[in-house]
């Protein structure tokens, strides 16, 4: 699967299944944005995302925070 030039957003992408999916999408060449609530997990995700992604601290249940994230 070739995902070059694609951007993937994963809510809850800083741990568990979301993190696994984000890492797999990176392997397939996508640029990945992950959202999560935990500052420490966001910092960790920033490390493994490297230059191919971005980690955004945001609570997907809060519309104001989601608007800010985008």
C-alpha atoms as a PDB file:
ATOM      1  CA  UNK A   1       0.000   0.000   0.000  1.00  0.00           C
ATOM      2  CA  UNK A   2       1.453   3.360  -1.027  1.00  0.00           C
ATOM      3  CA  UNK A   3       0.296   6.282   1.089  1.00  0.00           C
ATOM      4  CA  UNK A   4       2.855   8.822  -0.100  1.00  0.00           C
ATOM      5  CA  UNK A   5       1.333  12.311  -0.301  1.00  0.00           C
ATOM      6  CA  UNK A   6      -1.504  11.293   2.057  1.00  0.00           C
ATOM      7  CA  UNK A   7      -2.182  12.807   5.479  1.00  0.00           C
ATOM      8  CA  UNK A   8      -3.776  10.687   8.195  1.00  0.00           C
ATOM      9  CA  UNK A   9      -5.307  12.092  11.407  1.00  0.00           C
ATOM     10  CA  UNK A  10      -5.737   9.675  14.295  1.00  0.00           C
ATOM     11  CA  UNK A  11      -7.681  10.752  17.367  1.00  0.00           C
ATOM     12  CA  UNK A  12      -6.266   8.849  20.334  1.00  0.00           C
ATOM     13  CA  UNK A  13      -3.134   8.114  18.357  1.00  0.00           C
ATOM     14  CA  UNK A  14      -0.662   8.420  21.221  1.00  0.00           C
ATOM     15  CA  UNK A  15      -1.157   4.931  22.659  1.00  0.00           C
ATOM     16  CA  UNK A  16      -2.736   1.541  22.113  1.00  0.00           C
ATOM     17  CA  UNK A  17      -4.420   0.738  18.824  1.00  0.00           C
ATOM     18  CA  UNK A  18      -4.228   4.353  17.650  1.00  0.00           C
ATOM     19  CA  UNK A  19      -0.452   4.425  18.126  1.00  0.00           C
ATOM     20  CA  UNK A  20      -0.079   1.092  16.331  1.00  0.00           C
ATOM     21  CA  UNK A  21      -2.111   2.402  13.396  1.00  0.00           C
ATOM     22  CA  UNK A  22      -0.114   5.640  13.280  1.00  0.00           C
ATOM     23  CA  UNK A  23       3.179   3.735  13.193  1.00  0.00           C
ATOM     24  CA  UNK A  24       1.892   1.479  10.393  1.00  0.00           C
ATOM     25  CA  UNK A  25       0.704   4.455   8.330  1.00  0.00           C
ATOM     26  CA  UNK A  26       4.184   5.996   8.721  1.00  0.00           C
ATOM     27  CA  UNK A  27       5.702   2.786   7.347  1.00  0.00           C
ATOM     28  CA  UNK A  28       3.478   3.117   4.287  1.00  0.00           C
ATOM     29  CA  UNK A  29       4.717   6.656   3.631  1.00  0.00           C
ATOM     30  CA  UNK A  30       1.863   8.771   5.009  1.00  0.00           C
ATOM     31  CA  UNK A  31       2.285  11.948   6.990  1.00  0.00           C
ATOM     32  CA  UNK A  32       0.536  11.370  10.309  1.00  0.00           C
ATOM     33  CA  UNK A  33      -1.113  13.692  12.815  1.00  0.00           C
ATOM     34  CA  UNK A  34      -2.088  12.215  16.159  1.00  0.00           C
ATOM     35  CA  UNK A  35      -4.293  13.805  18.776  1.00  0.00           C
ATOM     36  CA  UNK A  36      -4.338  12.972  22.458  1.00  0.00           C
ATOM     37  CA  UNK A  37      -5.037  14.466  25.869  1.00  0.00           C
ATOM     38  CA  UNK A  38      -1.894  13.512  27.786  1.00  0.00           C
ATOM     39  CA  UNK A  39       0.987  15.978  27.533  1.00  0.00           C
ATOM     40  CA  UNK A  40       3.577  13.284  28.282  1.00  0.00           C
ATOM     41  CA  UNK A  41       2.167  10.978  25.595  1.00  0.00           C
ATOM     42  CA  UNK A  42       2.098  13.873  23.120  1.00  0.00           C
ATOM     43  CA  UNK A  43       5.780  14.538  23.820  1.00  0.00           C
ATOM     44  CA  UNK A  44       6.598  10.850  23.363  1.00  0.00           C
ATOM     45  CA  UNK A  45       4.613  10.691  20.113  1.00  0.00           C
ATOM     46  CA  UNK A  46       6.470  13.738  18.800  1.00  0.00           C
ATOM     47  CA  UNK A  47       9.687  11.743  19.182  1.00  0.00           C
ATOM     48  CA  UNK A  48       8.607   8.665  17.239  1.00  0.00           C
ATOM     49  CA  UNK A  49       6.700  10.661  14.613  1.00  0.00           C
ATOM     50  CA  UNK A  50       9.832  12.598  13.727  1.00  0.00           C
ATOM     51  CA  UNK A  51       9.617  14.794  10.638  1.00  0.00           C
ATOM     52  CA  UNK A  52       6.784  12.722   9.162  1.00  0.00           C
ATOM     53  CA  UNK A  53       4.113  13.751  11.621  1.00  0.00           C
ATOM     54  CA  UNK A  54       2.790  16.003  14.315  1.00  0.00           C
ATOM     55  CA  UNK A  55       1.337  15.332  17.757  1.00  0.00           C
ATOM     56  CA  UNK A  56      -1.421  17.653  18.952  1.00  0.00           C
ATOM     57  CA  UNK A  57      -2.674  17.902  22.512  1.00  0.00           C
ATOM     58  CA  UNK A  58      -6.462  18.071  22.324  1.00  0.00           C
ATOM     59  CA  UNK A  59      -9.540  16.476  23.861  1.00  0.00           C
ATOM     60  CA  UNK A  60     -11.724  15.219  21.006  1.00  0.00           C
ATOM     61  CA  UNK A  61     -14.779  15.446  23.261  1.00  0.00           C
ATOM     62  CA  UNK A  62     -14.361  19.231  23.530  1.00  0.00           C
ATOM     63  CA  UNK A  63     -15.423  21.043  20.328  1.00  0.00           C
ATOM     64  CA  UNK A  64     -13.456  24.171  21.261  1.00  0.00           C
ATOM     65  CA  UNK A  65     -10.227  22.181  21.616  1.00  0.00           C
ATOM     66  CA  UNK A  66     -10.866  20.366  18.333  1.00  0.00           C
ATOM     67  CA  UNK A  67     -11.387  23.695  16.554  1.00  0.00           C
ATOM     68  CA  UNK A  68      -8.088  24.944  17.987  1.00  0.00           C
ATOM     69  CA  UNK A  69      -6.311  21.769  16.909  1.00  0.00           C
ATOM     70  CA  UNK A  70      -7.338  22.274  13.306  1.00  0.00           C
END
